[in-house]
Protein backbone atom coordinates (compact mmCIF):
# COMPACT_ATOMS: atom_id res chain seq x y z
CA MET A 1 51.28 129.75 167.27
CA SER A 2 50.41 129.33 170.88
CA LEU A 3 52.15 131.27 173.68
CA ASP A 4 54.41 129.43 176.32
CA PRO A 5 51.87 128.79 179.30
CA LEU A 6 54.66 130.46 181.65
CA VAL A 7 54.24 133.71 179.76
CA VAL A 8 50.49 133.58 179.95
CA ASP A 9 50.90 132.94 183.61
CA ARG A 10 53.25 135.94 183.97
CA VAL A 11 51.12 138.07 181.95
CA ARG A 12 47.87 136.96 184.00
CA ALA A 13 49.93 137.88 187.26
CA ARG A 14 51.02 141.18 186.26
CA LEU A 15 47.55 142.29 184.79
CA VAL A 16 45.87 141.24 188.11
CA THR A 17 48.01 143.74 190.23
CA GLU A 18 46.48 146.50 188.36
CA GLY A 19 43.35 145.95 189.77
CA ARG A 20 41.10 146.38 186.80
CA VAL A 21 39.56 144.58 183.85
CA PRO A 22 42.31 144.49 181.19
CA THR A 23 41.89 145.79 177.52
CA GLU A 24 43.36 144.16 174.64
CA SER A 25 45.92 147.06 174.58
CA ASP A 26 46.92 146.22 178.36
CA ILE A 27 47.54 142.81 177.13
CA ALA A 28 49.45 143.66 174.14
CA ARG A 29 51.69 145.98 176.25
CA ALA A 30 52.23 143.15 179.06
CA LEU A 31 53.27 140.69 176.29
CA ARG A 32 55.76 143.30 174.96
CA ASP A 33 56.96 144.14 178.52
CA ASP A 34 57.54 140.18 179.21
CA GLY A 35 59.81 140.16 176.23
CA VAL A 36 57.70 138.50 173.65
CA LEU A 37 58.80 139.30 170.31
CA LEU A 38 56.15 139.30 167.56
CA GLY A 39 54.86 141.40 164.41
CA THR A 40 52.30 143.94 165.10
CA ASP A 41 49.50 141.86 163.64
CA VAL A 42 50.43 138.64 165.29
CA LEU A 43 50.84 140.64 168.71
CA LEU A 44 47.28 142.10 168.25
CA ALA A 45 45.89 138.69 167.30
CA GLU A 46 47.29 136.96 170.27
CA ALA A 47 46.37 140.11 172.55
CA GLU A 48 42.63 139.40 171.28
CA ARG A 49 42.78 135.82 171.86
CA LEU A 50 44.27 135.93 175.28
CA HIS A 51 41.97 138.95 176.27
CA GLY A 52 39.06 136.25 175.53
CA GLU A 53 40.89 133.47 177.65
CA LEU A 54 41.60 135.89 180.46
CA THR A 55 38.34 138.01 180.60
CA GLY A 56 35.66 136.91 178.05
CA ALA A 57 34.41 133.76 176.75
CA GLY A 58 37.80 132.52 175.40
CA PRO A 59 37.73 130.62 172.05
CA LEU A 60 33.92 131.56 171.54
CA THR A 61 34.50 135.34 171.96
CA ARG A 62 34.36 135.80 168.12
CA LEU A 63 31.39 133.52 167.92
CA LEU A 64 29.54 135.67 170.36
CA ARG A 65 30.48 138.79 168.25
CA ASP A 66 28.85 137.43 165.30
CA PRO A 67 25.48 139.46 164.88
CA LEU A 68 23.74 136.64 163.41
CA VAL A 69 24.53 134.06 165.92
CA THR A 70 21.73 133.39 168.69
CA ASP A 71 23.23 130.52 170.33
CA VAL A 72 26.62 128.85 171.08
CA LEU A 73 26.68 125.16 172.02
CA VAL A 74 29.52 123.37 173.53
CA SER A 75 29.20 119.55 173.72
CA GLY A 76 32.91 118.79 174.38
CA PRO A 77 36.34 120.27 173.51
CA ASP A 78 36.00 119.22 169.89
CA HIS A 79 32.42 119.90 169.47
CA VAL A 80 31.47 123.49 169.17
CA TRP A 81 28.07 124.44 167.33
CA VAL A 82 26.26 127.87 166.55
CA ASP A 83 22.79 128.76 165.51
CA ARG A 84 22.64 131.59 163.07
CA GLY A 85 19.02 131.11 162.47
CA ALA A 86 18.93 128.00 160.39
CA GLY A 87 19.53 125.44 163.06
CA ALA A 88 22.71 124.17 164.69
CA GLU A 89 25.78 124.04 162.58
CA PRO A 90 29.44 122.89 163.70
CA VAL A 91 32.08 125.32 163.60
CA ALA A 92 35.88 125.12 163.63
CA VAL A 93 36.68 126.15 167.11
CA ARG A 94 38.38 123.77 169.52
CA PHE A 95 39.25 123.64 173.28
CA PRO A 96 42.80 121.93 174.28
CA ASP A 97 40.81 119.55 176.55
CA ASP A 98 37.59 119.40 178.74
CA ALA A 99 39.43 120.96 181.64
CA ALA A 100 39.78 124.10 179.67
CA VAL A 101 35.95 123.90 178.77
CA ARG A 102 35.36 123.45 182.59
CA ARG A 103 37.53 126.49 183.48
CA LEU A 104 35.59 128.75 181.08
CA ALA A 105 32.18 127.51 182.21
CA GLN A 106 33.13 128.29 185.93
CA ARG A 107 34.81 131.77 184.84
CA LEU A 108 31.43 132.71 183.31
CA ALA A 109 29.32 131.34 186.28
CA ALA A 110 31.67 133.45 188.56
CA ALA A 111 30.84 136.32 186.33
CA CYS A 112 27.27 135.94 186.85
CA GLY A 113 27.81 135.62 190.67
CA ARG A 114 27.00 131.87 190.74
CA ARG A 115 28.81 129.02 191.85
CA LEU A 116 29.94 125.87 189.65
CA ASP A 117 31.88 123.06 190.85
CA ASP A 118 31.58 119.29 191.79
CA SER A 119 29.27 120.18 194.75
CA SER A 120 27.01 122.35 192.21
CA PRO A 121 27.65 120.87 188.92
CA TYR A 122 25.33 122.97 186.82
CA VAL A 123 24.28 126.48 186.70
CA ASP A 124 21.85 128.69 184.81
CA ALA A 125 22.43 132.33 184.84
CA ARG A 126 22.67 135.71 182.82
CA MET A 127 25.74 137.66 182.42
CA PRO A 128 25.91 141.29 182.86
CA ASP A 129 25.83 141.71 179.07
CA GLY A 130 22.60 139.71 179.00
CA THR A 131 24.29 136.65 177.81
CA ARG A 132 22.23 133.34 179.10
CA VAL A 133 24.48 130.85 180.62
CA HIS A 134 23.90 127.34 181.13
CA ALA A 135 26.52 124.72 182.02
CA VAL A 136 26.72 121.24 183.23
CA LEU A 137 30.00 119.52 184.34
CA SER A 138 31.28 116.20 183.70
CA PRO A 139 30.79 113.58 185.00
CA ILE A 140 27.07 114.63 185.27
CA ALA A 141 27.36 115.50 181.52
CA VAL A 142 28.97 112.07 180.26
CA SER A 143 30.73 113.30 177.19
CA GLY A 144 32.31 116.30 179.12
CA THR A 145 31.35 119.74 180.24
CA CYS A 146 28.56 121.13 178.37
CA LEU A 147 28.13 124.86 177.91
CA SER A 148 25.14 126.61 176.21
CA LEU A 149 25.09 130.53 175.73
CA ARG A 150 22.03 132.13 174.39
CA VAL A 151 23.05 135.58 172.74
CA PRO A 152 20.60 138.34 173.46
CA ARG A 153 19.24 140.32 170.51
CA ARG A 154 21.06 143.69 170.26
CA HIS A 155 17.77 145.34 169.16
CA ALA A 156 14.00 144.68 168.98
CA PHE A 157 12.67 143.36 165.78
CA THR A 158 9.69 145.17 164.37
CA LEU A 159 6.83 143.18 162.30
CA ASP A 160 8.36 144.43 159.16
CA ASP A 161 11.65 142.95 160.25
CA LEU A 162 9.81 139.59 160.77
CA VAL A 163 7.90 140.01 157.39
CA CYS A 164 11.51 140.50 155.51
CA ALA A 165 12.99 137.65 157.39
CA GLY A 166 10.15 135.26 156.01
CA SER A 167 8.99 134.71 159.35
CA LEU A 168 5.45 136.36 159.06
CA PRO A 169 3.15 136.92 156.13
CA VAL A 170 2.41 140.59 155.47
CA GLU A 171 -1.25 140.10 155.32
CA VAL A 172 -1.07 138.88 158.79
CA VAL A 173 0.50 142.26 160.24
CA PRO A 174 -2.69 143.96 160.54
CA TRP A 175 -4.31 141.40 162.67
CA ILE A 176 -1.30 141.44 164.90
CA ARG A 177 -1.61 145.09 165.50
CA ALA A 178 -5.23 144.98 165.91
CA VAL A 179 -4.88 142.18 168.66
CA ILE A 180 -2.36 144.60 170.55
CA ASP A 181 -4.61 147.72 170.09
CA ALA A 182 -7.70 145.96 171.48
CA ARG A 183 -5.43 144.91 174.42
CA LEU A 184 -6.34 141.30 174.22
CA ALA A 185 -4.58 139.03 176.34
CA VAL A 186 -1.99 137.13 174.27
CA LEU A 187 -0.15 133.97 174.81
CA ILE A 188 2.93 133.25 172.50
CA THR A 189 3.68 129.50 172.32
CA GLY A 190 6.05 127.18 170.43
CA GLY A 191 8.97 124.88 170.97
CA THR A 192 12.32 125.56 172.08
CA GLY A 193 14.20 127.93 169.77
CA THR A 194 11.10 128.88 167.88
CA GLY A 195 11.66 132.83 168.63
CA LYS A 196 8.90 133.17 171.44
CA THR A 197 11.03 135.77 173.30
CA THR A 198 11.67 137.68 170.07
CA TRP A 199 7.97 137.71 169.14
CA LEU A 200 7.10 138.87 172.64
CA SER A 201 9.59 141.73 172.63
CA THR A 202 8.18 142.93 169.09
CA LEU A 203 4.52 142.73 170.40
CA LEU A 204 5.44 144.81 173.59
CA GLY A 205 6.99 147.68 171.14
CA LEU A 206 3.61 147.86 169.60
CA CYS A 207 2.03 148.81 172.72
CA ASP A 208 0.69 152.40 173.45
CA PRO A 209 3.71 154.46 174.65
CA HIS A 210 1.59 155.80 177.50
CA GLU A 211 1.18 152.23 179.00
CA ARG A 212 3.20 150.96 181.86
CA LEU A 213 4.76 147.57 181.29
CA VAL A 214 5.73 145.27 184.21
CA ILE A 215 7.96 142.53 182.94
CA VAL A 216 8.51 139.42 185.07
CA GLU A 217 11.27 137.13 183.95
CA ASP A 218 13.18 134.33 185.41
CA SER A 219 16.26 135.77 183.67
CA SER A 220 16.07 139.16 181.94
CA GLU A 221 16.06 138.79 177.94
CA LEU A 222 13.06 140.88 176.89
CA LEU A 223 14.22 144.04 175.01
CA PRO A 224 11.05 145.76 173.89
CA ASP A 225 11.23 149.14 172.21
CA HIS A 226 9.03 151.10 174.79
CA PRO A 227 9.60 154.22 176.81
CA HIS A 228 7.74 152.66 180.12
CA VAL A 229 9.06 149.29 181.12
CA VAL A 230 9.57 148.19 184.67
CA ARG A 231 11.47 144.93 184.89
CA LEU A 232 11.46 142.31 187.63
CA GLU A 233 13.81 139.32 187.75
CA ALA A 234 13.43 136.24 189.83
CA ARG A 235 16.46 135.16 192.22
CA PRO A 236 17.77 131.56 192.80
CA PRO A 237 18.41 130.70 196.55
CA ASN A 238 22.02 131.35 197.94
CA LEU A 239 24.33 128.56 199.12
CA GLU A 240 22.31 128.29 202.33
CA GLY A 241 19.20 127.95 200.38
CA ALA A 242 17.57 130.91 201.39
CA GLY A 243 16.79 134.16 199.66
CA ALA A 244 14.80 132.90 196.68
CA VAL A 245 12.56 135.17 195.03
CA THR A 246 10.21 133.16 192.37
CA LEU A 247 8.26 134.01 189.41
CA ARG A 248 4.90 133.67 191.34
CA ASP A 249 6.26 136.15 194.05
CA LEU A 250 7.18 138.76 191.36
CA VAL A 251 3.69 138.31 189.43
CA ARG A 252 1.97 138.94 192.84
CA GLN A 253 4.01 142.11 193.43
CA SER A 254 3.43 143.30 189.86
CA LEU A 255 -0.23 143.63 190.50
CA ARG A 256 0.28 146.42 193.02
CA MET A 257 2.59 148.29 190.73
CA ARG A 258 -0.20 149.89 188.67
CA PRO A 259 0.52 147.95 185.66
CA ASP A 260 -1.21 148.79 182.42
CA ARG A 261 0.11 145.27 181.11
CA ILE A 262 1.35 142.37 183.05
CA VAL A 263 4.19 140.41 181.09
CA VAL A 264 5.70 137.02 181.92
CA GLY A 265 8.49 136.25 179.81
CA GLU A 266 8.13 132.38 180.40
CA VAL A 267 5.42 130.77 182.16
CA ARG A 268 6.91 127.29 183.55
CA GLY A 269 5.35 126.91 186.83
CA ALA A 270 2.95 127.82 189.63
CA GLU A 271 2.88 131.46 188.20
CA ILE A 272 0.35 130.40 185.77
CA VAL A 273 -2.22 130.63 188.65
CA ASP A 274 -1.57 134.28 189.41
CA LEU A 275 -1.23 135.25 185.86
CA LEU A 276 -4.55 133.73 185.03
CA ALA A 277 -6.39 135.31 188.07
CA ALA A 278 -4.85 138.69 186.95
CA LEU A 279 -6.29 138.31 183.40
CA ASN A 280 -9.59 137.55 184.99
CA THR A 281 -9.65 140.40 187.37
CA GLY A 282 -9.57 143.47 184.93
CA HIS A 283 -5.85 143.28 184.07
CA GLU A 284 -6.31 143.57 180.17
CA GLY A 285 -3.64 143.14 177.56
CA GLY A 286 -1.43 140.47 179.67
CA CYS A 287 1.23 138.65 177.61
CA ALA A 288 3.42 135.69 178.28
CA THR A 289 5.14 132.71 176.64
CA VAL A 290 4.85 129.06 177.18
CA HIS A 291 6.30 126.07 175.56
CA ALA A 292 4.02 123.89 173.64
CA ASN A 293 4.41 121.68 170.59
CA THR A 294 0.99 122.73 168.89
CA ALA A 295 -1.51 125.42 169.57
CA GLU A 296 -4.14 122.73 170.32
CA ASP A 297 -1.69 121.43 173.07
CA VAL A 298 -1.70 124.76 175.07
CA PRO A 299 -4.98 124.07 177.28
CA ALA A 300 -3.44 120.81 178.21
CA ARG A 301 0.01 122.46 179.03
CA LEU A 302 -1.48 125.14 181.07
CA GLU A 303 -3.97 122.70 182.96
CA SER A 304 -0.71 120.58 183.83
CA LEU A 305 1.01 123.79 185.33
CA ALA A 306 -1.75 124.80 187.25
CA LEU A 307 -2.91 121.36 188.63
CA ALA A 308 0.62 121.18 190.08
CA ALA A 309 -0.01 124.44 191.74
CA GLY A 310 -3.18 123.06 193.40
CA LEU A 311 -5.87 124.64 191.13
CA ASP A 312 -8.39 121.95 190.05
CA ARG A 313 -9.25 121.27 186.58
CA ALA A 314 -12.68 122.96 186.05
CA ALA A 315 -11.24 126.27 187.65
CA VAL A 316 -8.29 126.03 185.16
CA HIS A 317 -10.47 125.79 182.09
CA ALA A 318 -12.95 128.46 183.29
CA GLN A 319 -9.91 130.87 183.90
CA ILE A 320 -8.37 130.12 180.53
CA ALA A 321 -11.64 130.64 178.73
CA ALA A 322 -12.32 133.79 180.41
CA GLY A 323 -9.01 135.46 180.63
CA LEU A 324 -7.24 134.27 177.50
CA ASP A 325 -8.05 135.81 174.20
CA VAL A 326 -5.46 134.69 171.68
CA VAL A 327 -2.82 132.43 171.18
CA ILE A 328 0.05 133.05 168.70
CA HIS A 329 1.91 130.04 167.91
CA LEU A 330 5.30 129.69 166.32
CA GLY A 331 7.24 126.83 164.67
CA ARG A 332 10.33 125.82 163.17
CA ASP A 333 10.75 124.31 159.90
CA ARG A 334 12.96 121.38 158.88
CA ASP A 335 15.50 123.85 157.29
CA GLY A 336 15.69 125.67 160.74
CA ARG A 337 13.48 128.74 159.75
CA ARG A 338 11.58 130.14 162.64
CA ARG A 339 8.11 131.38 161.54
CA TRP A 340 4.46 132.34 162.57
CA ARG A 341 2.15 129.20 162.28
CA SER A 342 -1.28 130.31 163.59
CA LEU A 343 -3.46 132.74 165.48
CA SER A 344 -5.82 130.91 167.58
CA VAL A 345 -8.81 131.95 169.99
CA ALA A 346 -10.12 130.17 173.01
CA GLU A 347 -13.47 128.80 173.17
CA ARG A 348 -15.57 126.58 175.91
CA ARG A 349 -16.79 123.32 174.75
CA ASP A 350 -18.69 120.90 176.98
CA GLY A 351 -17.16 122.59 179.96
CA TRP A 352 -13.48 122.44 178.66
CA THR A 353 -11.39 125.06 176.82
CA VAL A 354 -10.13 124.38 173.27
CA LEU A 355 -8.22 126.50 170.90
CA VAL A 356 -9.60 127.02 167.50
CA ASP A 357 -7.47 128.50 164.58
CA ALA A 358 -8.61 131.86 162.95
CA LEU A 359 -5.60 132.29 160.87
CA SER A 360 -3.15 129.86 160.02
CA TRP A 361 -0.04 129.50 157.60
CA PRO A 362 0.49 125.52 157.37
CA ASP A 363 2.96 125.83 154.50
CA VAL A 364 5.56 128.42 153.97
CA ARG A 365 5.02 128.19 150.51
CA GLY A 366 1.34 128.63 150.64
CA PRO A 367 -1.28 131.12 151.55
CA VAL A 368 -2.72 132.16 154.91
CA GLU A 369 -5.86 130.14 155.59
CA GLN A 370 -8.84 131.37 157.47
CA GLY A 371 -10.03 128.78 160.29
CA PRO A 372 -13.31 128.10 162.19
CA GLY A 373 -12.24 130.64 164.77
CA PHE A 374 -11.95 133.60 162.19
CA ASP A 375 -15.46 135.20 162.92
CA ARG A 376 -14.79 134.91 166.62
CA LEU A 377 -11.67 136.66 166.24
CA ARG A 378 -13.37 139.53 164.31
CA ARG A 379 -15.83 139.98 166.84
CA ARG A 380 -13.18 140.38 169.58
CA LEU A 381 -11.41 143.00 167.44
CA ARG A 382 -14.39 145.17 166.55
CA HIS A 383 -13.62 148.89 166.25
CA HIS A 384 -9.97 148.06 166.42
CA ALA A 385 -9.02 147.71 162.52
CA PRO A 386 -5.68 149.68 162.15
CA ALA A 387 -6.43 153.19 160.44
CA GLY A 388 -5.22 153.43 156.93
CA THR A 389 -4.97 149.60 156.20
CA SER A 390 -7.45 147.24 154.17
CA ALA A 391 -7.31 144.69 157.17
CA PRO A 392 -10.52 142.70 157.21
CA VAL A 393 -11.47 143.55 160.59
CA VAL A 394 -15.19 144.17 160.88
CA THR A 395 -17.82 144.86 163.47
CA ALA A 396 -20.17 141.76 164.15
């Protein structure tokens, strides 16, 4: 059943006068006070639904509470999808019309302190609970208001968790630990939704507890299991176009905060210049993620970002080769499984930087393969074989 809209309006008005965020119990009480006669179970269900409509994510509330859901995608009032780790799948959730989707998107944007209307028809922001909100209003979104919610992980994964999930071969675990112990500069790459943020949080959890991690993000998402973390978050301009704080600004500030490791949640612009400069001036163990289709594409991707920021091509490749140690590339199989694909090292060839696979996992059903960069990786990891393991990390 659905409640009379007039009843909903009266309940909403009554709760607003109380001056606080209503709970489901408050809503159930207000419904009873309004004379709504329902059985206890039905009343509680209606109170939960109305609570989501008034204060939460409306029809999407239950989806966001599902611990397996990483993304909720609304492409129109009758097209709602979720990703539970195996790709997008449709769900039986519907909105009455596009106006309802629009109202929800505007309410979520307001909860983030952002504006969403015809004069500002899109928004990318983070809610207080960490949920990433992106919305585009119609008619910019031709088929109707589009809403995308990225649900933050409730806890940081461990390498053992990734192994159990089938995302990482167990024989690669000692190598990943050795890379962190050796304080090598690490870039995690992959396409959208391949788990880069999850992996970066996992790697940061492996860092020495005495290290000071300064994390720079456009929107705070990383949740490392580490005792000494300093978070810096970029800020968009206000309605007058002033007050913006960019990732590049924050990377520069992080250099003055006595970091043991500088971490950039996602490199997507001019901040690559300052990050490469940091990696080339004694800031060991830096970490970042960047979008790239394959590991081989990473130098070209970094080059394009740095060229747009004013760094010439030769300087870009020289800094990549000198500052970047290893690249961990992630992928997503046809069945939607996110997994580790390769561990590569940077090499200079004819003046340009290329990435060479040291270890790779081309087929989830097959073994881990050693590549031409394997010996170079061993040399970089000398003296850092994890104690008590049989990891084949040897001195040169």
